[in-house]
Amino acid sequence: MRISLIAALCLLAALPICAQTPAPPTRLGLCAACHGASGHADMPGVPHLAGQRLDYLRDVLKQYRDGRRNVPVMRAAIGPVSDAELDALARWYSAQPPQSQGQP
């Protein structure tokens, strides 16, 4: 009984951590082609998105979508994305661990 209680308490303690990790968004493949599914870009000149601030990612994605940032490839990719999908992408990438200092 005591072991069961301890195990249950450990699971309850871990729930907030699990709840904070968002599910991969449905539009992830759109971004992952260049930025990587985990936000670590392999293409030269493509920024890493992992670990960026949520509010920053949301704002920048809206700017690309609305044309306030004039980058044609981003406008084409993010143009048809709804506010909910944009939010899911921003949440996903902000929740990913940032690139370590030793990686390119």
PDB file of N, CA and C in Angstrom:
ATOM      1  N   MET A   1       0.823  -1.190   0.000  1.00  0.00           N
ATOM      2  CA  MET A   1       0.000   0.000   0.000  1.00  0.00           C
ATOM      3  C   MET A   1       0.866   1.253   0.000  1.00  0.00           C
ATOM      4  N   ARG A   2       1.903   1.230   0.804  1.00  0.00           N
ATOM      5  CA  ARG A   2       2.793   2.391   0.915  1.00  0.00           C
ATOM      6  C   ARG A   2       3.487   2.666  -0.413  1.00  0.00           C
ATOM      7  N   ILE A   3       3.929   1.629  -1.109  1.00  0.00           N
ATOM      8  CA  ILE A   3       4.593   1.790  -2.402  1.00  0.00           C
ATOM      9  C   ILE A   3       3.614   2.356  -3.429  1.00  0.00           C
ATOM     10  N   SER A   4       2.372   1.885  -3.394  1.00  0.00           N
ATOM     11  CA  SER A   4       1.355   2.397  -4.312  1.00  0.00           C
ATOM     12  C   SER A   4       1.104   3.881  -4.082  1.00  0.00           C
ATOM     13  N   LEU A   5       1.068   4.275  -2.834  1.00  0.00           N
ATOM     14  CA  LEU A   5       0.843   5.672  -2.497  1.00  0.00           C
ATOM     15  C   LEU A   5       2.013   6.534  -2.985  1.00  0.00           C
ATOM     16  N   ILE A   6       3.209   6.077  -2.775  1.00  0.00           N
ATOM     17  CA  ILE A   6       4.396   6.808  -3.234  1.00  0.00           C
ATOM     18  C   ILE A   6       4.399   6.911  -4.758  1.00  0.00           C
ATOM     19  N   ALA A   7       4.091   5.829  -5.438  1.00  0.00           N
ATOM     20  CA  ALA A   7       4.045   5.845  -6.901  1.00  0.00           C
ATOM     21  C   ALA A   7       2.980   6.814  -7.407  1.00  0.00           C
ATOM     22  N   ALA A   8       1.830   6.826  -6.763  1.00  0.00           N
ATOM     23  CA  ALA A   8       0.758   7.737  -7.165  1.00  0.00           C
ATOM     24  C   ALA A   8       1.160   9.193  -6.960  1.00  0.00           C
ATOM     25  N   LEU A   9       1.819   9.480  -5.847  1.00  0.00           N
ATOM     26  CA  LEU A   9       2.283  10.843  -5.586  1.00  0.00           C
ATOM     27  C   LEU A   9       3.331  11.286  -6.604  1.00  0.00           C
ATOM     28  N   CYS A  10       4.206  10.379  -6.988  1.00  0.00           N
ATOM     29  CA  CYS A  10       5.220  10.697  -8.006  1.00  0.00           C
ATOM     30  C   CYS A  10       4.565  11.012  -9.346  1.00  0.00           C
ATOM     31  N   LEU A  11       3.551  10.240  -9.707  1.00  0.00           N
ATOM     32  CA  LEU A  11       2.832  10.491 -10.956  1.00  0.00           C
ATOM     33  C   LEU A  11       2.124  11.839 -10.920  1.00  0.00           C
ATOM     34  N   LEU A  12       1.502  12.156  -9.795  1.00  0.00           N
ATOM     35  CA  LEU A  12       0.818  13.446  -9.668  1.00  0.00           C
ATOM     36  C   LEU A  12       1.803  14.602  -9.746  1.00  0.00           C
ATOM     37  N   ALA A  13       2.975  14.430  -9.184  1.00  0.00           N
ATOM     38  CA  ALA A  13       3.996  15.479  -9.231  1.00  0.00           C
ATOM     39  C   ALA A  13       4.491  15.694 -10.656  1.00  0.00           C
ATOM     40  N   ALA A  14       4.495  14.648 -11.462  1.00  0.00           N
ATOM     41  CA  ALA A  14       4.981  14.754 -12.835  1.00  0.00           C
ATOM     42  C   ALA A  14       3.938  15.309 -13.797  1.00  0.00           C
ATOM     43  N   LEU A  15       2.673  15.313 -13.433  1.00  0.00           N
ATOM     44  CA  LEU A  15       1.617  15.774 -14.338  1.00  0.00           C
ATOM     45  C   LEU A  15       1.808  17.200 -14.840  1.00  0.00           C
ATOM     46  N   PRO A  16       2.154  18.174 -14.001  1.00  0.00           N
ATOM     47  CA  PRO A  16       2.335  19.523 -14.543  1.00  0.00           C
ATOM     48  C   PRO A  16       3.432  19.591 -15.609  1.00  0.00           C
ATOM     49  N   ILE A  17       4.465  18.799 -15.460  1.00  0.00           N
ATOM     50  CA  ILE A  17       5.543  18.781 -16.449  1.00  0.00           C
ATOM     51  C   ILE A  17       5.016  18.218 -17.758  1.00  0.00           C
ATOM     52  N   CYS A  18       4.281  17.125 -17.700  1.00  0.00           N
ATOM     53  CA  CYS A  18       3.717  16.525 -18.904  1.00  0.00           C
ATOM     54  C   CYS A  18       2.695  17.446 -19.545  1.00  0.00           C
ATOM     55  N   ALA A  19       1.915  18.129 -18.754  1.00  0.00           N
ATOM     56  CA  ALA A  19       0.862  18.998 -19.282  1.00  0.00           C
ATOM     57  C   ALA A  19       1.434  20.200 -20.015  1.00  0.00           C
ATOM     58  N   GLN A  20       2.658  20.604 -19.694  1.00  0.00           N
ATOM     59  CA  GLN A  20       3.259  21.766 -20.321  1.00  0.00           C
ATOM     60  C   GLN A  20       3.835  21.457 -21.695  1.00  0.00           C
ATOM     61  N   THR A  21       4.051  20.217 -22.029  1.00  0.00           N
ATOM     62  CA  THR A  21       4.611  19.853 -23.323  1.00  0.00           C
ATOM     63  C   THR A  21       3.483  19.704 -24.322  1.00  0.00           C
ATOM     64  N   PRO A  22       3.419  20.632 -25.291  1.00  0.00           N
ATOM     65  CA  PRO A  22       2.324  20.553 -26.250  1.00  0.00           C
ATOM     66  C   PRO A  22       2.492  19.398 -27.224  1.00  0.00           C
ATOM     67  N   ALA A  23       1.389  18.963 -27.789  1.00  0.00           N
ATOM     68  CA  ALA A  23       1.425  17.934 -28.830  1.00  0.00           C
ATOM     69  C   ALA A  23       1.947  18.570 -30.113  1.00  0.00           C
ATOM     70  N   PRO A  24       2.595  17.790 -30.973  1.00  0.00           N
ATOM     71  CA  PRO A  24       3.058  18.360 -32.243  1.00  0.00           C
ATOM     72  C   PRO A  24       1.879  18.918 -33.033  1.00  0.00           C
ATOM     73  N   PRO A  25       2.000  20.141 -33.530  1.00  0.00           N
ATOM     74  CA  PRO A  25       0.889  20.739 -34.279  1.00  0.00           C
ATOM     75  C   PRO A  25       0.681  20.069 -35.632  1.00  0.00           C
ATOM     76  N   THR A  26      -0.519  20.171 -36.146  1.00  0.00           N
ATOM     77  CA  THR A  26      -0.841  19.531 -37.420  1.00  0.00           C
ATOM     78  C   THR A  26      -0.066  20.153 -38.577  1.00  0.00           C
ATOM     79  N   ARG A  27       0.282  21.412 -38.484  1.00  0.00           N
ATOM     80  CA  ARG A  27       1.014  22.100 -39.555  1.00  0.00           C
ATOM     81  C   ARG A  27       2.531  22.031 -39.374  1.00  0.00           C
ATOM     82  N   LEU A  28       3.019  21.202 -38.480  1.00  0.00           N
ATOM     83  CA  LEU A  28       4.453  21.157 -38.182  1.00  0.00           C
ATOM     84  C   LEU A  28       5.298  20.843 -39.412  1.00  0.00           C
ATOM     85  N   GLY A  29       4.839  19.946 -40.274  1.00  0.00           N
ATOM     86  CA  GLY A  29       5.618  19.568 -41.451  1.00  0.00           C
ATOM     87  C   GLY A  29       5.934  20.743 -42.346  1.00  0.00           C
ATOM     88  N   LEU A  30       5.045  21.702 -42.377  1.00  0.00           N
ATOM     89  CA  LEU A  30       5.230  22.913 -43.153  1.00  0.00           C
ATOM     90  C   LEU A  30       6.495  23.651 -42.709  1.00  0.00           C
ATOM     91  N   CYS A  31       6.692  23.776 -41.418  1.00  0.00           N
ATOM     92  CA  CYS A  31       7.847  24.495 -40.862  1.00  0.00           C
ATOM     93  C   CYS A  31       9.082  23.589 -40.764  1.00  0.00           C
ATOM     94  N   ALA A  32       8.828  22.319 -40.439  1.00  0.00           N
ATOM     95  CA  ALA A  32       9.922  21.378 -40.205  1.00  0.00           C
ATOM     96  C   ALA A  32      10.788  21.163 -41.430  1.00  0.00           C
ATOM     97  N   ALA A  33      10.240  21.386 -42.605  1.00  0.00           N
ATOM     98  CA  ALA A  33      11.019  21.202 -43.833  1.00  0.00           C
ATOM     99  C   ALA A  33      12.283  22.061 -43.818  1.00  0.00           C
ATOM    100  N   CYS A  34      12.203  23.242 -43.248  1.00  0.00           N
ATOM    101  CA  CYS A  34      13.371  24.135 -43.199  1.00  0.00           C
ATOM    102  C   CYS A  34      13.931  24.300 -41.784  1.00  0.00           C
ATOM    103  N   HIS A  35      13.032  24.421 -40.795  1.00  0.00           N
ATOM    104  CA  HIS A  35      13.458  24.718 -39.424  1.00  0.00           C
ATOM    105  C   HIS A  35      13.662  23.472 -38.570  1.00  0.00           C
ATOM    106  N   GLY A  36      13.314  22.295 -39.086  1.00  0.00           N
ATOM    107  CA  GLY A  36      13.430  21.052 -38.329  1.00  0.00           C
ATOM    108  C   GLY A  36      12.243  20.864 -37.403  1.00  0.00           C
ATOM    109  N   ALA A  37      11.846  19.623 -37.188  1.00  0.00           N
ATOM    110  CA  ALA A  37      10.695  19.330 -36.330  1.00  0.00           C
ATOM    111  C   ALA A  37      10.940  19.770 -34.892  1.00  0.00           C
ATOM    112  N   SER A  38      12.184  19.730 -34.456  1.00  0.00           N
ATOM    113  CA  SER A  38      12.504  20.142 -33.087  1.00  0.00           C
ATOM    114  C   SER A  38      13.000  21.582 -33.027  1.00  0.00           C
ATOM    115  N   GLY A  39      12.974  22.281 -34.169  1.00  0.00           N
ATOM    116  CA  GLY A  39      13.381  23.683 -34.184  1.00  0.00           C
ATOM    117  C   GLY A  39      14.853  23.911 -34.393  1.00  0.00           C
ATOM    118  N   HIS A  40      15.581  22.856 -34.717  1.00  0.00           N
ATOM    119  CA  HIS A  40      17.014  22.960 -34.982  1.00  0.00           C
ATOM    120  C   HIS A  40      17.220  22.842 -36.488  1.00  0.00           C
ATOM    121  N   ALA A  41      17.422  23.977 -37.129  1.00  0.00           N
ATOM    122  CA  ALA A  41      17.547  24.028 -38.581  1.00  0.00           C
ATOM    123  C   ALA A  41      18.876  23.443 -39.043  1.00  0.00           C
ATOM    124  N   ASP A  42      18.811  22.685 -40.149  1.00  0.00           N
ATOM    125  CA  ASP A  42      20.028  22.132 -40.745  1.00  0.00           C
ATOM    126  C   ASP A  42      20.475  22.942 -41.960  1.00  0.00           C
ATOM    127  N   MET A  43      19.584  23.760 -42.482  1.00  0.00           N
ATOM    128  CA  MET A  43      19.884  24.537 -43.682  1.00  0.00           C
ATOM    129  C   MET A  43      20.628  25.820 -43.305  1.00  0.00           C
ATOM    130  N   PRO A  44      21.674  26.161 -44.047  1.00  0.00           N
ATOM    131  CA  PRO A  44      22.394  27.411 -43.760  1.00  0.00           C
ATOM    132  C   PRO A  44      21.475  28.621 -43.925  1.00  0.00           C
ATOM    133  N   GLY A  45      21.596  29.564 -43.014  1.00  0.00           N
ATOM    134  CA  GLY A  45      20.807  30.786 -43.085  1.00  0.00           C
ATOM    135  C   GLY A  45      19.397  30.683 -42.533  1.00  0.00           C
ATOM    136  N   VAL A  46      18.986  29.494 -42.141  1.00  0.00           N
ATOM    137  CA  VAL A  46      17.636  29.309 -41.581  1.00  0.00           C
ATOM    138  C   VAL A  46      17.758  29.350 -40.058  1.00  0.00           C
ATOM    139  N   PRO A  47      16.998  30.218 -39.407  1.00  0.00           N
ATOM    140  CA  PRO A  47      17.138  30.349 -37.953  1.00  0.00           C
ATOM    141  C   PRO A  47      16.584  29.151 -37.185  1.00  0.00           C
ATOM    142  N   HIS A  48      17.186  28.901 -36.047  1.00  0.00           N
ATOM    143  CA  HIS A  48      16.687  27.891 -35.113  1.00  0.00           C
ATOM    144  C   HIS A  48      15.494  28.503 -34.381  1.00  0.00           C
ATOM    145  N   LEU A  49      14.436  27.731 -34.218  1.00  0.00           N
ATOM    146  CA  LEU A  49      13.240  28.212 -33.530  1.00  0.00           C
ATOM    147  C   LEU A  49      13.099  27.638 -32.124  1.00  0.00           C
ATOM    148  N   ALA A  50      13.788  26.552 -31.851  1.00  0.00           N
ATOM    149  CA  ALA A  50      13.663  25.884 -30.552  1.00  0.00           C
ATOM    150  C   ALA A  50      14.052  26.820 -29.414  1.00  0.00           C
ATOM    151  N   GLY A  51      13.166  26.872 -28.416  1.00  0.00           N
ATOM    152  CA  GLY A  51      13.464  27.641 -27.218  1.00  0.00           C
ATOM    153  C   GLY A  51      13.251  29.139 -27.338  1.00  0.00           C
ATOM    154  N   GLN A  52      12.780  29.614 -28.489  1.00  0.00           N
ATOM    155  CA  GLN A  52      12.479  31.043 -28.615  1.00  0.00           C
ATOM    156  C   GLN A  52      11.283  31.379 -27.726  1.00  0.00           C
ATOM    157  N   ARG A  53      11.178  32.618 -27.313  1.00  0.00           N
ATOM    158  CA  ARG A  53      10.050  33.043 -26.474  1.00  0.00           C
ATOM    159  C   ARG A  53       8.736  32.905 -27.236  1.00  0.00           C
ATOM    160  N   LEU A  54       7.722  32.425 -26.562  1.00  0.00           N
ATOM    161  CA  LEU A  54       6.411  32.192 -27.160  1.00  0.00           C
ATOM    162  C   LEU A  54       5.838  33.471 -27.770  1.00  0.00           C
ATOM    163  N   ASP A  55       5.853  34.557 -27.033  1.00  0.00           N
ATOM    164  CA  ASP A  55       5.270  35.795 -27.550  1.00  0.00           C
ATOM    165  C   ASP A  55       6.032  36.306 -28.770  1.00  0.00           C
ATOM    166  N   TYR A  56       7.343  36.135 -28.781  1.00  0.00           N
ATOM    167  CA  TYR A  56       8.150  36.534 -29.937  1.00  0.00           C
ATOM    168  C   TYR A  56       7.763  35.706 -31.173  1.00  0.00           C
ATOM    169  N   LEU A  57       7.705  34.378 -31.020  1.00  0.00           N
ATOM    170  CA  LEU A  57       7.347  33.517 -32.151  1.00  0.00           C
ATOM    171  C   LEU A  57       5.962  33.843 -32.683  1.00  0.00           C
ATOM    172  N   ARG A  58       5.000  34.026 -31.793  1.00  0.00           N
ATOM    173  CA  ARG A  58       3.638  34.378 -32.206  1.00  0.00           C
ATOM    174  C   ARG A  58       3.631  35.659 -33.038  1.00  0.00           C
ATOM    175  N   ASP A  59       4.319  36.677 -32.528  1.00  0.00           N
ATOM    176  CA  ASP A  59       4.330  37.972 -33.194  1.00  0.00           C
ATOM    177  C   ASP A  59       5.011  37.895 -34.564  1.00  0.00           C
ATOM    178  N   VAL A  60       6.150  37.234 -34.625  1.00  0.00           N
ATOM    179  CA  VAL A  60       6.891  37.131 -35.883  1.00  0.00           C
ATOM    180  C   VAL A  60       6.094  36.341 -36.920  1.00  0.00           C
ATOM    181  N   LEU A  61       5.476  35.241 -36.508  1.00  0.00           N
ATOM    182  CA  LEU A  61       4.680  34.460 -37.445  1.00  0.00           C
ATOM    183  C   LEU A  61       3.512  35.271 -37.994  1.00  0.00           C
ATOM    184  N   LYS A  62       2.880  36.072 -37.142  1.00  0.00           N
ATOM    185  CA  LYS A  62       1.797  36.942 -37.607  1.00  0.00           C
ATOM    186  C   LYS A  62       2.321  37.982 -38.592  1.00  0.00           C
ATOM    187  N   GLN A  63       3.510  38.498 -38.323  1.00  0.00           N
ATOM    188  CA  GLN A  63       4.098  39.487 -39.229  1.00  0.00           C
ATOM    189  C   GLN A  63       4.384  38.883 -40.599  1.00  0.00           C
ATOM    190  N   TYR A  64       4.875  37.657 -40.639  1.00  0.00           N
ATOM    191  CA  TYR A  64       5.099  36.984 -41.932  1.00  0.00           C
ATOM    192  C   TYR A  64       3.765  36.755 -42.640  1.00  0.00           C
ATOM    193  N   ARG A  65       2.801  36.263 -41.895  1.00  0.00           N
ATOM    194  CA  ARG A  65       1.501  35.952 -42.487  1.00  0.00           C
ATOM    195  C   ARG A  65       0.811  37.194 -43.035  1.00  0.00           C
ATOM    196  N   ASP A  66       0.904  38.292 -42.287  1.00  0.00           N
ATOM    197  CA  ASP A  66       0.215  39.520 -42.671  1.00  0.00           C
ATOM    198  C   ASP A  66       1.000  40.378 -43.655  1.00  0.00           C
ATOM    199  N   GLY A  67       2.242  39.983 -43.951  1.00  0.00           N
ATOM    200  CA  GLY A  67       3.049  40.728 -44.916  1.00  0.00           C
ATOM    201  C   GLY A  67       3.844  41.872 -44.325  1.00  0.00           C
ATOM    202  N   ARG A  68       3.813  42.044 -42.999  1.00  0.00           N
ATOM    203  CA  ARG A  68       4.613  43.105 -42.382  1.00  0.00           C
ATOM    204  C   ARG A  68       6.098  42.791 -42.436  1.00  0.00           C
ATOM    205  N   ARG A  69       6.428  41.516 -42.504  1.00  0.00           N
ATOM    206  CA  ARG A  69       7.808  41.074 -42.789  1.00  0.00           C
ATOM    207  C   ARG A  69       7.761  40.493 -44.189  1.00  0.00           C
ATOM    208  N   ASN A  70       8.501  41.085 -45.086  1.00  0.00           N
ATOM    209  CA  ASN A  70       8.413  40.714 -46.491  1.00  0.00           C
ATOM    210  C   ASN A  70       9.472  39.665 -46.854  1.00  0.00           C
ATOM    211  N   VAL A  71       9.152  38.430 -46.563  1.00  0.00           N
ATOM    212  CA  VAL A  71       9.991  37.283 -46.946  1.00  0.00           C
ATOM    213  C   VAL A  71       9.053  36.343 -47.709  1.00  0.00           C
ATOM    214  N   PRO A  72       9.136  36.372 -49.048  1.00  0.00           N
ATOM    215  CA  PRO A  72       8.160  35.633 -49.862  1.00  0.00           C
ATOM    216  C   PRO A  72       7.983  34.168 -49.496  1.00  0.00           C
ATOM    217  N   VAL A  73       9.064  33.454 -49.204  1.00  0.00           N
ATOM    218  CA  VAL A  73       8.924  32.028 -48.880  1.00  0.00           C
ATOM    219  C   VAL A  73       8.148  31.841 -47.573  1.00  0.00           C
ATOM    220  N   MET A  74       8.381  32.718 -46.612  1.00  0.00           N
ATOM    221  CA  MET A  74       7.643  32.620 -45.350  1.00  0.00           C
ATOM    222  C   MET A  74       6.189  33.054 -45.548  1.00  0.00           C
ATOM    223  N   ARG A  75       5.977  34.059 -46.345  1.00  0.00           N
ATOM    224  CA  ARG A  75       4.602  34.520 -46.605  1.00  0.00           C
ATOM    225  C   ARG A  75       3.803  33.397 -47.273  1.00  0.00           C
ATOM    226  N   ALA A  76       4.429  32.709 -48.209  1.00  0.00           N
ATOM    227  CA  ALA A  76       3.746  31.607 -48.891  1.00  0.00           C
ATOM    228  C   ALA A  76       3.474  30.446 -47.936  1.00  0.00           C
ATOM    229  N   ALA A  77       4.434  30.156 -47.069  1.00  0.00           N
ATOM    230  CA  ALA A  77       4.287  29.021 -46.155  1.00  0.00           C
ATOM    231  C   ALA A  77       3.296  29.302 -45.037  1.00  0.00           C
ATOM    232  N   ILE A  78       3.319  30.490 -44.480  1.00  0.00           N
ATOM    233  CA  ILE A  78       2.518  30.793 -43.299  1.00  0.00           C
ATOM    234  C   ILE A  78       1.211  31.494 -43.646  1.00  0.00           C
ATOM    235  N   GLY A  79       1.067  31.957 -44.878  1.00  0.00           N
ATOM    236  CA  GLY A  79      -0.126  32.688 -45.300  1.00  0.00           C
ATOM    237  C   GLY A  79      -1.443  32.003 -45.013  1.00  0.00           C
ATOM    238  N   PRO A  80      -1.592  30.708 -45.322  1.00  0.00           N
ATOM    239  CA  PRO A  80      -2.885  30.054 -45.095  1.00  0.00           C
ATOM    240  C   PRO A  80      -3.100  29.532 -43.670  1.00  0.00           C
ATOM    241  N   VAL A  81      -2.217  29.832 -42.748  1.00  0.00           N
ATOM    242  CA  VAL A  81      -2.302  29.285 -41.388  1.00  0.00           C
ATOM    243  C   VAL A  81      -3.220  30.147 -40.526  1.00  0.00           C
ATOM    244  N   SER A  82      -4.165  29.514 -39.861  1.00  0.00           N
ATOM    245  CA  SER A  82      -5.105  30.214 -38.981  1.00  0.00           C
ATOM    246  C   SER A  82      -4.415  30.676 -37.703  1.00  0.00           C
ATOM    247  N   ASP A  83      -5.094  31.532 -36.946  1.00  0.00           N
ATOM    248  CA  ASP A  83      -4.543  31.986 -35.662  1.00  0.00           C
ATOM    249  C   ASP A  83      -4.300  30.814 -34.714  1.00  0.00           C
ATOM    250  N   ALA A  84      -5.219  29.856 -34.680  1.00  0.00           N
ATOM    251  CA  ALA A  84      -5.071  28.695 -33.788  1.00  0.00           C
ATOM    252  C   ALA A  84      -3.879  27.843 -34.205  1.00  0.00           C
ATOM    253  N   GLU A  85      -3.706  27.638 -35.502  1.00  0.00           N
ATOM    254  CA  GLU A  85      -2.565  26.849 -35.992  1.00  0.00           C
ATOM    255  C   GLU A  85      -1.255  27.587 -35.751  1.00  0.00           C
ATOM    256  N   LEU A  86      -1.275  28.892 -35.960  1.00  0.00           N
ATOM    257  CA  LEU A  86      -0.091  29.705 -35.710  1.00  0.00           C
ATOM    258  C   LEU A  86       0.302  29.624 -34.239  1.00  0.00           C
ATOM    259  N   ASP A  87      -0.684  29.705 -33.357  1.00  0.00           N
ATOM    260  CA  ASP A  87      -0.431  29.606 -31.925  1.00  0.00           C
ATOM    261  C   ASP A  87       0.151  28.238 -31.565  1.00  0.00           C
ATOM    262  N   ALA A  88      -0.381  27.184 -32.163  1.00  0.00           N
ATOM    263  CA  ALA A  88       0.126  25.830 -31.890  1.00  0.00           C
ATOM    264  C   ALA A  88       1.579  25.694 -32.336  1.00  0.00           C
ATOM    265  N   LEU A  89       1.923  26.263 -33.478  1.00  0.00           N
ATOM    266  CA  LEU A  89       3.310  26.211 -33.956  1.00  0.00           C
ATOM    267  C   LEU A  89       4.232  26.984 -33.016  1.00  0.00           C
ATOM    268  N   ALA A  90       3.813  28.162 -32.608  1.00  0.00           N
ATOM    269  CA  ALA A  90       4.625  28.974 -31.696  1.00  0.00           C
ATOM    270  C   ALA A  90       4.821  28.250 -30.363  1.00  0.00           C
ATOM    271  N   ARG A  91       3.752  27.651 -29.852  1.00  0.00           N
ATOM    272  CA  ARG A  91       3.857  26.906 -28.585  1.00  0.00           C
ATOM    273  C   ARG A  91       4.805  25.718 -28.716  1.00  0.00           C
ATOM    274  N   TRP A  92       4.701  25.003 -29.819  1.00  0.00           N
ATOM    275  CA  TRP A  92       5.546  23.836 -30.044  1.00  0.00           C
ATOM    276  C   TRP A  92       7.022  24.226 -30.041  1.00  0.00           C
ATOM    277  N   TYR A  93       7.374  25.190 -30.878  1.00  0.00           N
ATOM    278  CA  TYR A  93       8.780  25.559 -31.000  1.00  0.00           C
ATOM    279  C   TYR A  93       9.326  26.219 -29.735  1.00  0.00           C
ATOM    280  N   SER A  94       8.521  26.986 -29.034  1.00  0.00           N
ATOM    281  CA  SER A  94       9.007  27.609 -27.800  1.00  0.00           C
ATOM    282  C   SER A  94       9.232  26.570 -26.701  1.00  0.00           C
ATOM    283  N   ALA A  95       8.525  25.439 -26.769  1.00  0.00           N
ATOM    284  CA  ALA A  95       8.661  24.382 -25.760  1.00  0.00           C
ATOM    285  C   ALA A  95       9.837  23.450 -26.031  1.00  0.00           C
ATOM    286  N   GLN A  96      10.426  23.522 -27.209  1.00  0.00           N
ATOM    287  CA  GLN A  96      11.544  22.636 -27.563  1.00  0.00           C
ATOM    288  C   GLN A  96      12.822  23.151 -26.911  1.00  0.00           C
ATOM    289  N   PRO A  97      13.708  22.244 -26.510  1.00  0.00           N
ATOM    290  CA  PRO A  97      14.964  22.692 -25.879  1.00  0.00           C
ATOM    291  C   PRO A  97      15.841  23.425 -26.906  1.00  0.00           C
ATOM    292  N   PRO A  98      16.422  24.558 -26.507  1.00  0.00           N
ATOM    293  CA  PRO A  98      17.271  25.302 -27.425  1.00  0.00           C
ATOM    294  C   PRO A  98      18.531  24.534 -27.787  1.00  0.00           C
ATOM    295  N   GLN A  99      19.143  24.957 -28.858  1.00  0.00           N
ATOM    296  CA  GLN A  99      20.382  24.329 -29.335  1.00  0.00           C
ATOM    297  C   GLN A  99      21.481  24.585 -28.309  1.00  0.00           C
ATOM    298  N   SER A 100      22.273  23.572 -28.024  1.00  0.00           N
ATOM    299  CA  SER A 100      23.365  23.746 -27.072  1.00  0.00           C
ATOM    300  C   SER A 100      24.479  24.582 -27.719  1.00  0.00           C
ATOM    301  N   GLN A 101      25.312  25.164 -26.900  1.00  0.00           N
ATOM    302  CA  GLN A 101      26.364  26.076 -27.364  1.00  0.00           C
ATOM    303  C   GLN A 101      27.338  25.417 -28.327  1.00  0.00           C
ATOM    304  N   GLY A 102      27.606  24.134 -28.171  1.00  0.00           N
ATOM    305  CA  GLY A 102      28.594  23.449 -28.993  1.00  0.00           C
ATOM    306  C   GLY A 102      28.103  23.080 -30.380  1.00  0.00           C
ATOM    307  N   GLN A 103      26.783  23.161 -30.627  1.00  0.00           N
ATOM    308  CA  GLN A 103      26.233  22.776 -31.927  1.00  0.00           C
ATOM    309  C   GLN A 103      26.231  23.974 -32.864  1.00  0.00           C
ATOM    310  N   PRO A 104      26.346  23.714 -34.168  1.00  0.00           N
ATOM    311  CA  PRO A 104      26.352  24.827 -35.122  1.00  0.00           C
ATOM    312  C   PRO A 104      25.002  25.487 -35.254  1.00  0.00           C
TER     313      PRO A 104
END
